Amino acid sequence: MGTLTTWARAWRRGLAAAGLCLLTTAHAAPPPARPFEDTLAQRLQACTVCHGAEGRAAPDGYYPRIAGKPAGYLYHQLLNFREGRRHYRLMVQMVDPLDDAYLWTIAEHFAGLNLPYPPPTAVRQTPAERARGERLARQGDAALGVPACIQCHGARLTGRQPHVPGLLGLPRDYLTAQVGAWRTGLRRAHAPDCMHTIAERLGPEDVAAVAGWLASQPLPADTRPDTPGGPLPMACGPLRTPATAAAGGGR
């Protein structure tokens, strides 16, 4: 009898535990999922996961700002990843299935975001390094055959329509890494690849000087890219648009 009573008590405790478990599970059930909004902003969250909210740049300095860059520049970088002139697995996998028209849509979206920049970071440089960096940015070096940064990237160094990016608001390490990528061929553009030519002519000290100077400069009140100006100081690869790609049989 005692054994039967003990068994009954255990059975009742089991029922109570099962009921509590069911009750807890019911209360812990997740809320119903909201309907998926198939909008461009929703789809481009795949970009902002790395490039920061609205493309403002990631805090680690590795993923650059894409908001407000000229649409032609952004478009060509997406093409370069898709077509093997730039190499970063995550970007390549993301853009590989996309056609030219969709890449242009992405580029126009981020180009249209005119958002404020954070203040520049402090960069430790000697007076001589700062002077050299400013000279390369504003005057270039005729002896090396290196034009001034402002000749291509705009008088305010905020870029130049339709395809030249701004150089301000970028971390020193990022700028240095990109020049190194141009130099070694890890980053390329359509021939003639003018940035590769410039990178080959700059020594490590010059790259460090100009990258440090650029990274430490405050942004002007108007950070938008300059309007198209005269010819560039060097021959650079041809521009491409979805229309020209379609005419030439591109994707």
C-alpha atoms as a PDB file:
ATOM      1  CA  MET A   1       0.000   0.000   0.000  1.00  0.00           C
ATOM      2  CA  GLY A   2       2.851   2.310   0.913  1.00  0.00           C
ATOM      3  CA  THR A   3       4.498   1.613  -2.416  1.00  0.00           C
ATOM      4  CA  LEU A   4       1.250   2.358  -4.275  1.00  0.00           C
ATOM      5  CA  THR A   5       0.859   5.639  -2.403  1.00  0.00           C
ATOM      6  CA  THR A   6       4.417   6.630  -3.174  1.00  0.00           C
ATOM      7  CA  TRP A   7       3.865   5.793  -6.852  1.00  0.00           C
ATOM      8  CA  ALA A   8       0.658   7.868  -6.928  1.00  0.00           C
ATOM      9  CA  ARG A   9       2.374  10.847  -5.419  1.00  0.00           C
ATOM     10  CA  ALA A  10       5.202  10.594  -7.931  1.00  0.00           C
ATOM     11  CA  TRP A  11       2.675  10.329 -10.774  1.00  0.00           C
ATOM     12  CA  ARG A  12       0.843  13.462  -9.579  1.00  0.00           C
ATOM     13  CA  ARG A  13       4.146  15.330  -9.310  1.00  0.00           C
ATOM     14  CA  GLY A  14       4.955  14.248 -12.874  1.00  0.00           C
ATOM     15  CA  LEU A  15       1.617  15.548 -14.124  1.00  0.00           C
ATOM     16  CA  ALA A  16       2.153  18.832 -12.328  1.00  0.00           C
ATOM     17  CA  ALA A  17       5.660  19.161 -13.807  1.00  0.00           C
ATOM     18  CA  ALA A  18       4.361  18.383 -17.294  1.00  0.00           C
ATOM     19  CA  GLY A  19       1.636  20.981 -16.900  1.00  0.00           C
ATOM     20  CA  LEU A  20       4.155  23.553 -15.734  1.00  0.00           C
ATOM     21  CA  CYS A  21       6.388  22.719 -18.665  1.00  0.00           C
ATOM     22  CA  LEU A  22       3.529  23.183 -21.114  1.00  0.00           C
ATOM     23  CA  LEU A  23       2.550  26.453 -19.455  1.00  0.00           C
ATOM     24  CA  THR A  24       6.130  27.739 -19.585  1.00  0.00           C
ATOM     25  CA  THR A  25       6.467  26.726 -23.215  1.00  0.00           C
ATOM     26  CA  ALA A  26       3.243  28.511 -24.086  1.00  0.00           C
ATOM     27  CA  HIS A  27       4.429  31.713 -22.395  1.00  0.00           C
ATOM     28  CA  ALA A  28       7.873  31.447 -24.028  1.00  0.00           C
ATOM     29  CA  ALA A  29       6.512  31.032 -27.547  1.00  0.00           C
ATOM     30  CA  PRO A  30       7.921  33.760 -29.841  1.00  0.00           C
ATOM     31  CA  PRO A  31       5.544  36.387 -31.152  1.00  0.00           C
ATOM     32  CA  PRO A  32       4.289  35.905 -34.699  1.00  0.00           C
ATOM     33  CA  ALA A  33       6.769  37.093 -37.301  1.00  0.00           C
ATOM     34  CA  ARG A  34       6.067  40.411 -38.940  1.00  0.00           C
ATOM     35  CA  PRO A  35       5.434  40.333 -42.689  1.00  0.00           C
ATOM     36  CA  PHE A  36       8.618  40.712 -44.732  1.00  0.00           C
ATOM     37  CA  GLU A  37       8.830  44.094 -46.422  1.00  0.00           C
ATOM     38  CA  ASP A  38      10.362  43.601 -49.836  1.00  0.00           C
ATOM     39  CA  THR A  39      11.894  47.064 -50.145  1.00  0.00           C
ATOM     40  CA  LEU A  40      15.297  48.175 -51.393  1.00  0.00           C
ATOM     41  CA  ALA A  41      16.279  49.404 -47.937  1.00  0.00           C
ATOM     42  CA  GLN A  42      15.395  46.000 -46.484  1.00  0.00           C
ATOM     43  CA  ARG A  43      17.438  44.151 -49.086  1.00  0.00           C
ATOM     44  CA  LEU A  44      20.436  46.448 -48.670  1.00  0.00           C
ATOM     45  CA  GLN A  45      20.748  45.558 -45.001  1.00  0.00           C
ATOM     46  CA  ALA A  46      23.154  42.982 -46.383  1.00  0.00           C
ATOM     47  CA  CYS A  47      25.441  45.957 -47.157  1.00  0.00           C
ATOM     48  CA  THR A  48      24.941  47.912 -43.953  1.00  0.00           C
ATOM     49  CA  VAL A  49      25.784  44.925 -41.730  1.00  0.00           C
ATOM     50  CA  CYS A  50      29.430  45.548 -42.689  1.00  0.00           C
ATOM     51  CA  HIS A  51      29.444  49.144 -43.930  1.00  0.00           C
ATOM     52  CA  GLY A  52      27.531  50.563 -40.968  1.00  0.00           C
ATOM     53  CA  ALA A  53      24.063  52.008 -40.628  1.00  0.00           C
ATOM     54  CA  GLU A  54      23.074  53.690 -43.911  1.00  0.00           C
ATOM     55  CA  GLY A  55      26.580  52.999 -45.214  1.00  0.00           C
ATOM     56  CA  ARG A  56      28.261  55.422 -42.792  1.00  0.00           C
ATOM     57  CA  ALA A  57      31.284  53.061 -42.297  1.00  0.00           C
ATOM     58  CA  ALA A  58      32.080  50.404 -39.737  1.00  0.00           C
ATOM     59  CA  PRO A  59      33.728  51.459 -36.462  1.00  0.00           C
ATOM     60  CA  ASP A  60      36.728  49.165 -37.027  1.00  0.00           C
ATOM     61  CA  GLY A  61      37.918  51.231 -39.990  1.00  0.00           C
ATOM     62  CA  TYR A  62      38.113  48.191 -42.260  1.00  0.00           C
ATOM     63  CA  TYR A  63      34.804  48.630 -44.071  1.00  0.00           C
ATOM     64  CA  PRO A  64      34.724  52.090 -45.651  1.00  0.00           C
ATOM     65  CA  ARG A  65      31.932  54.612 -45.865  1.00  0.00           C
ATOM     66  CA  ILE A  66      29.834  54.186 -48.996  1.00  0.00           C
ATOM     67  CA  ALA A  67      27.120  56.756 -48.260  1.00  0.00           C
ATOM     68  CA  GLY A  68      27.404  59.798 -50.491  1.00  0.00           C
ATOM     69  CA  LYS A  69      30.118  58.411 -52.795  1.00  0.00           C
ATOM     70  CA  PRO A  70      29.527  59.060 -56.502  1.00  0.00           C
ATOM     71  CA  ALA A  71      27.222  56.483 -58.050  1.00  0.00           C
ATOM     72  CA  GLY A  72      29.648  55.806 -60.888  1.00  0.00           C
ATOM     73  CA  TYR A  73      32.418  55.009 -58.418  1.00  0.00           C
ATOM     74  CA  LEU A  74      30.268  52.668 -56.331  1.00  0.00           C
ATOM     75  CA  TYR A  75      28.965  50.967 -59.462  1.00  0.00           C
ATOM     76  CA  HIS A  76      32.447  50.316 -60.811  1.00  0.00           C
ATOM     77  CA  GLN A  77      33.624  48.873 -57.494  1.00  0.00           C
ATOM     78  CA  LEU A  78      30.699  46.447 -57.491  1.00  0.00           C
ATOM     79  CA  LEU A  79      31.611  45.489 -61.044  1.00  0.00           C
ATOM     80  CA  ASN A  80      35.259  45.075 -60.053  1.00  0.00           C
ATOM     81  CA  PHE A  81      34.315  42.639 -57.298  1.00  0.00           C
ATOM     82  CA  ARG A  82      31.990  40.706 -59.590  1.00  0.00           C
ATOM     83  CA  GLU A  83      34.462  40.570 -62.469  1.00  0.00           C
ATOM     84  CA  GLY A  84      37.602  39.690 -60.508  1.00  0.00           C
ATOM     85  CA  ARG A  85      39.484  42.992 -60.354  1.00  0.00           C
ATOM     86  CA  ARG A  86      38.947  43.195 -56.598  1.00  0.00           C
ATOM     87  CA  HIS A  87      39.137  40.245 -54.245  1.00  0.00           C
ATOM     88  CA  TYR A  88      37.120  39.907 -51.057  1.00  0.00           C
ATOM     89  CA  ARG A  89      35.124  36.707 -50.761  1.00  0.00           C
ATOM     90  CA  LEU A  90      32.076  38.139 -48.985  1.00  0.00           C
ATOM     91  CA  MET A  91      31.678  40.918 -51.541  1.00  0.00           C
ATOM     92  CA  VAL A  92      32.262  38.592 -54.474  1.00  0.00           C
ATOM     93  CA  GLN A  93      29.630  36.127 -53.256  1.00  0.00           C
ATOM     94  CA  MET A  94      27.153  38.931 -52.661  1.00  0.00           C
ATOM     95  CA  VAL A  95      27.385  40.595 -56.069  1.00  0.00           C
ATOM     96  CA  ASP A  96      28.137  37.602 -58.292  1.00  0.00           C
ATOM     97  CA  PRO A  97      24.457  36.765 -59.037  1.00  0.00           C
ATOM     98  CA  LEU A  98      23.429  40.395 -59.616  1.00  0.00           C
ATOM     99  CA  ASP A  99      23.139  41.978 -63.053  1.00  0.00           C
ATOM    100  CA  ASP A 100      24.425  45.405 -64.077  1.00  0.00           C
ATOM    101  CA  ALA A 101      21.076  47.145 -63.652  1.00  0.00           C
ATOM    102  CA  TYR A 102      20.701  45.952 -60.058  1.00  0.00           C
ATOM    103  CA  LEU A 103      24.278  46.957 -59.210  1.00  0.00           C
ATOM    104  CA  TRP A 104      23.487  50.421 -60.570  1.00  0.00           C
ATOM    105  CA  THR A 105      20.371  50.580 -58.393  1.00  0.00           C
ATOM    106  CA  ILE A 106      22.480  49.789 -55.315  1.00  0.00           C
ATOM    107  CA  ALA A 107      25.060  52.409 -56.275  1.00  0.00           C
ATOM    108  CA  GLU A 108      22.434  55.108 -56.806  1.00  0.00           C
ATOM    109  CA  HIS A 109      20.795  54.341 -53.464  1.00  0.00           C
ATOM    110  CA  PHE A 110      23.959  54.880 -51.421  1.00  0.00           C
ATOM    111  CA  ALA A 111      25.125  57.785 -53.581  1.00  0.00           C
ATOM    112  CA  GLY A 112      21.927  59.625 -52.693  1.00  0.00           C
ATOM    113  CA  LEU A 113      22.575  59.516 -48.931  1.00  0.00           C
ATOM    114  CA  ASN A 114      24.016  62.891 -47.918  1.00  0.00           C
ATOM    115  CA  LEU A 115      24.809  62.166 -44.255  1.00  0.00           C
ATOM    116  CA  PRO A 116      27.096  63.922 -41.740  1.00  0.00           C
ATOM    117  CA  TYR A 117      30.598  62.618 -41.125  1.00  0.00           C
ATOM    118  CA  PRO A 118      32.178  61.998 -37.722  1.00  0.00           C
ATOM    119  CA  PRO A 119      35.106  64.241 -36.722  1.00  0.00           C
ATOM    120  CA  PRO A 120      38.515  63.144 -38.033  1.00  0.00           C
ATOM    121  CA  THR A 121      40.788  60.990 -35.915  1.00  0.00           C
ATOM    122  CA  ALA A 122      44.027  62.332 -34.508  1.00  0.00           C
ATOM    123  CA  VAL A 123      47.090  61.087 -36.394  1.00  0.00           C
ATOM    124  CA  ARG A 124      50.615  61.306 -34.995  1.00  0.00           C
ATOM    125  CA  GLN A 125      52.942  62.792 -37.592  1.00  0.00           C
ATOM    126  CA  THR A 126      56.091  64.848 -37.492  1.00  0.00           C
ATOM    127  CA  PRO A 127      55.917  68.337 -39.014  1.00  0.00           C
ATOM    128  CA  ALA A 128      57.955  67.062 -41.962  1.00  0.00           C
ATOM    129  CA  GLU A 129      55.541  64.161 -42.529  1.00  0.00           C
ATOM    130  CA  ARG A 130      52.520  66.464 -42.400  1.00  0.00           C
ATOM    131  CA  ALA A 131      54.144  68.882 -44.846  1.00  0.00           C
ATOM    132  CA  ARG A 132      55.006  66.058 -47.244  1.00  0.00           C
ATOM    133  CA  GLY A 133      51.504  64.641 -47.041  1.00  0.00           C
ATOM    134  CA  GLU A 134      49.899  68.017 -47.730  1.00  0.00           C
ATOM    135  CA  ARG A 135      52.247  68.647 -50.627  1.00  0.00           C
ATOM    136  CA  LEU A 136      51.347  65.346 -52.274  1.00  0.00           C
ATOM    137  CA  ALA A 137      47.643  66.008 -51.740  1.00  0.00           C
ATOM    138  CA  ARG A 138      47.652  69.594 -52.995  1.00  0.00           C
ATOM    139  CA  GLN A 139      50.616  69.807 -55.388  1.00  0.00           C
ATOM    140  CA  GLY A 140      51.734  66.299 -56.245  1.00  0.00           C
ATOM    141  CA  ASP A 141      55.339  65.492 -57.120  1.00  0.00           C
ATOM    142  CA  ALA A 142      56.411  66.244 -60.680  1.00  0.00           C
ATOM    143  CA  ALA A 143      59.737  64.450 -60.208  1.00  0.00           C
ATOM    144  CA  LEU A 144      57.888  61.220 -59.406  1.00  0.00           C
ATOM    145  CA  GLY A 145      55.235  61.795 -62.033  1.00  0.00           C
ATOM    146  CA  VAL A 146      52.530  61.842 -59.354  1.00  0.00           C
ATOM    147  CA  PRO A 147      49.680  64.343 -59.800  1.00  0.00           C
ATOM    148  CA  ALA A 148      48.097  66.066 -56.819  1.00  0.00           C
ATOM    149  CA  CYS A 149      45.209  64.246 -55.156  1.00  0.00           C
ATOM    150  CA  ILE A 150      43.002  67.294 -55.696  1.00  0.00           C
ATOM    151  CA  GLN A 151      43.427  67.045 -59.462  1.00  0.00           C
ATOM    152  CA  CYS A 152      41.358  63.869 -59.527  1.00  0.00           C
ATOM    153  CA  HIS A 153      39.530  63.732 -56.196  1.00  0.00           C
ATOM    154  CA  GLY A 154      38.188  67.287 -56.234  1.00  0.00           C
ATOM    155  CA  ALA A 155      39.409  70.604 -54.877  1.00  0.00           C
ATOM    156  CA  ARG A 156      37.866  69.793 -51.478  1.00  0.00           C
ATOM    157  CA  LEU A 157      38.948  66.121 -51.665  1.00  0.00           C
ATOM    158  CA  THR A 158      35.302  65.055 -51.331  1.00  0.00           C
ATOM    159  CA  GLY A 159      35.249  63.308 -54.692  1.00  0.00           C
ATOM    160  CA  ARG A 160      34.323  64.245 -58.211  1.00  0.00           C
ATOM    161  CA  GLN A 161      31.323  63.237 -60.240  1.00  0.00           C
ATOM    162  CA  PRO A 162      30.648  60.831 -61.760  1.00  0.00           C
ATOM    163  CA  HIS A 163      33.229  58.248 -60.679  1.00  0.00           C
ATOM    164  CA  VAL A 164      36.032  59.573 -58.411  1.00  0.00           C
ATOM    165  CA  PRO A 165      35.591  58.994 -54.648  1.00  0.00           C
ATOM    166  CA  GLY A 166      36.348  61.379 -51.821  1.00  0.00           C
ATOM    167  CA  LEU A 167      39.458  60.834 -49.707  1.00  0.00           C
ATOM    168  CA  LEU A 168      38.422  62.628 -46.515  1.00  0.00           C
ATOM    169  CA  GLY A 169      36.629  60.878 -43.681  1.00  0.00           C
ATOM    170  CA  LEU A 170      38.604  57.643 -44.186  1.00  0.00           C
ATOM    171  CA  PRO A 171      40.962  56.105 -41.593  1.00  0.00           C
ATOM    172  CA  ARG A 172      44.704  56.255 -42.225  1.00  0.00           C
ATOM    173  CA  ASP A 173      45.072  52.474 -42.119  1.00  0.00           C
ATOM    174  CA  TYR A 174      42.348  52.025 -44.714  1.00  0.00           C
ATOM    175  CA  LEU A 175      43.928  54.556 -47.077  1.00  0.00           C
ATOM    176  CA  THR A 176      47.338  52.941 -46.652  1.00  0.00           C
ATOM    177  CA  ALA A 177      45.932  49.473 -47.275  1.00  0.00           C
ATOM    178  CA  GLN A 178      44.166  50.561 -50.462  1.00  0.00           C
ATOM    179  CA  VAL A 179      47.299  52.119 -51.934  1.00  0.00           C
ATOM    180  CA  GLY A 180      49.111  48.892 -51.094  1.00  0.00           C
ATOM    181  CA  ALA A 181      46.388  46.899 -52.839  1.00  0.00           C
ATOM    182  CA  TRP A 182      46.694  49.074 -55.942  1.00  0.00           C
ATOM    183  CA  ARG A 183      50.467  48.627 -55.867  1.00  0.00           C
ATOM    184  CA  THR A 184      50.406  44.826 -55.600  1.00  0.00           C
ATOM    185  CA  GLY A 185      47.526  44.286 -58.005  1.00  0.00           C
ATOM    186  CA  LEU A 186      45.070  43.039 -55.391  1.00  0.00           C
ATOM    187  CA  ARG A 187      42.908  45.974 -56.414  1.00  0.00           C
ATOM    188  CA  ARG A 188      42.654  46.816 -60.104  1.00  0.00           C
ATOM    189  CA  ALA A 189      40.553  48.785 -62.549  1.00  0.00           C
ATOM    190  CA  HIS A 190      40.080  48.788 -66.292  1.00  0.00           C
ATOM    191  CA  ALA A 191      43.259  49.670 -68.184  1.00  0.00           C
ATOM    192  CA  PRO A 192      44.858  52.098 -68.166  1.00  0.00           C
ATOM    193  CA  ASP A 193      44.829  51.657 -64.389  1.00  0.00           C
ATOM    194  CA  CYS A 194      45.981  55.110 -63.305  1.00  0.00           C
ATOM    195  CA  MET A 195      45.852  54.418 -59.560  1.00  0.00           C
ATOM    196  CA  HIS A 196      48.104  51.392 -59.985  1.00  0.00           C
ATOM    197  CA  THR A 197      50.599  53.622 -61.804  1.00  0.00           C
ATOM    198  CA  ILE A 198      50.512  56.243 -59.050  1.00  0.00           C
ATOM    199  CA  ALA A 199      50.831  53.638 -56.283  1.00  0.00           C
ATOM    200  CA  GLU A 200      53.930  52.165 -57.942  1.00  0.00           C
ATOM    201  CA  ARG A 201      55.589  55.593 -57.984  1.00  0.00           C
ATOM    202  CA  LEU A 202      55.014  56.336 -54.296  1.00  0.00           C
ATOM    203  CA  GLY A 203      57.397  55.013 -51.669  1.00  0.00           C
ATOM    204  CA  PRO A 204      56.208  53.718 -48.278  1.00  0.00           C
ATOM    205  CA  GLU A 205      57.118  56.991 -46.561  1.00  0.00           C
ATOM    206  CA  ASP A 206      55.091  58.998 -49.067  1.00  0.00           C
ATOM    207  CA  VAL A 207      52.072  56.703 -48.671  1.00  0.00           C
ATOM    208  CA  ALA A 208      52.215  57.019 -44.882  1.00  0.00           C
ATOM    209  CA  ALA A 209      52.594  60.799 -45.100  1.00  0.00           C
ATOM    210  CA  VAL A 210      49.671  61.461 -47.438  1.00  0.00           C
ATOM    211  CA  ALA A 211      47.391  58.883 -45.774  1.00  0.00           C
ATOM    212  CA  GLY A 212      48.042  60.398 -42.358  1.00  0.00           C
ATOM    213  CA  TRP A 213      47.451  63.928 -43.591  1.00  0.00           C
ATOM    214  CA  LEU A 214      44.204  63.007 -45.364  1.00  0.00           C
ATOM    215  CA  ALA A 215      42.847  61.073 -42.381  1.00  0.00           C
ATOM    216  CA  SER A 216      43.412  64.016 -40.039  1.00  0.00           C
ATOM    217  CA  GLN A 217      41.670  66.660 -42.162  1.00  0.00           C
ATOM    218  CA  PRO A 218      38.260  68.040 -41.135  1.00  0.00           C
ATOM    219  CA  LEU A 219      35.398  67.701 -43.581  1.00  0.00           C
ATOM    220  CA  PRO A 220      34.093  70.841 -45.304  1.00  0.00           C
ATOM    221  CA  ALA A 221      30.559  72.024 -44.648  1.00  0.00           C
ATOM    222  CA  ASP A 222      29.460  70.607 -48.004  1.00  0.00           C
ATOM    223  CA  THR A 223      30.728  67.043 -48.269  1.00  0.00           C
ATOM    224  CA  ARG A 224      29.116  66.222 -51.604  1.00  0.00           C
ATOM    225  CA  PRO A 225      31.361  65.310 -54.568  1.00  0.00           C
ATOM    226  CA  ASP A 226      32.348  68.113 -56.921  1.00  0.00           C
ATOM    227  CA  THR A 227      30.624  68.449 -60.268  1.00  0.00           C
ATOM    228  CA  PRO A 228      32.506  67.139 -63.319  1.00  0.00           C
ATOM    229  CA  GLY A 229      35.435  69.336 -64.242  1.00  0.00           C
ATOM    230  CA  GLY A 230      38.151  69.303 -66.873  1.00  0.00           C
ATOM    231  CA  PRO A 231      40.137  66.268 -68.014  1.00  0.00           C
ATOM    232  CA  LEU A 232      42.024  64.151 -65.519  1.00  0.00           C
ATOM    233  CA  PRO A 233      45.817  64.553 -65.348  1.00  0.00           C
ATOM    234  CA  MET A 234      46.359  60.918 -66.371  1.00  0.00           C
ATOM    235  CA  ALA A 235      44.629  58.487 -68.688  1.00  0.00           C
ATOM    236  CA  CYS A 236      42.314  56.221 -66.714  1.00  0.00           C
ATOM    237  CA  GLY A 237      40.153  53.271 -67.710  1.00  0.00           C
ATOM    238  CA  PRO A 238      36.872  53.859 -69.537  1.00  0.00           C
ATOM    239  CA  LEU A 239      33.638  54.467 -67.692  1.00  0.00           C
ATOM    240  CA  ARG A 240      30.800  51.987 -67.894  1.00  0.00           C
ATOM    241  CA  THR A 241      27.067  52.234 -67.302  1.00  0.00           C
ATOM    242  CA  PRO A 242      24.325  49.612 -67.476  1.00  0.00           C
ATOM    243  CA  ALA A 243      23.380  51.009 -70.901  1.00  0.00           C
ATOM    244  CA  THR A 244      26.876  50.621 -72.338  1.00  0.00           C
ATOM    245  CA  ALA A 245      27.177  47.164 -70.780  1.00  0.00           C
ATOM    246  CA  ALA A 246      23.911  46.090 -72.429  1.00  0.00           C
ATOM    247  CA  ALA A 247      25.107  47.425 -75.784  1.00  0.00           C
ATOM    248  CA  GLY A 248      28.326  45.448 -75.393  1.00  0.00           C
ATOM    249  CA  GLY A 249      26.589  42.271 -74.304  1.00  0.00           C
ATOM    250  CA  GLY A 250      27.338  42.560 -70.572  1.00  0.00           C
ATOM    251  CA  ARG A 251      25.225  40.980 -67.877  1.00  0.00           C
END
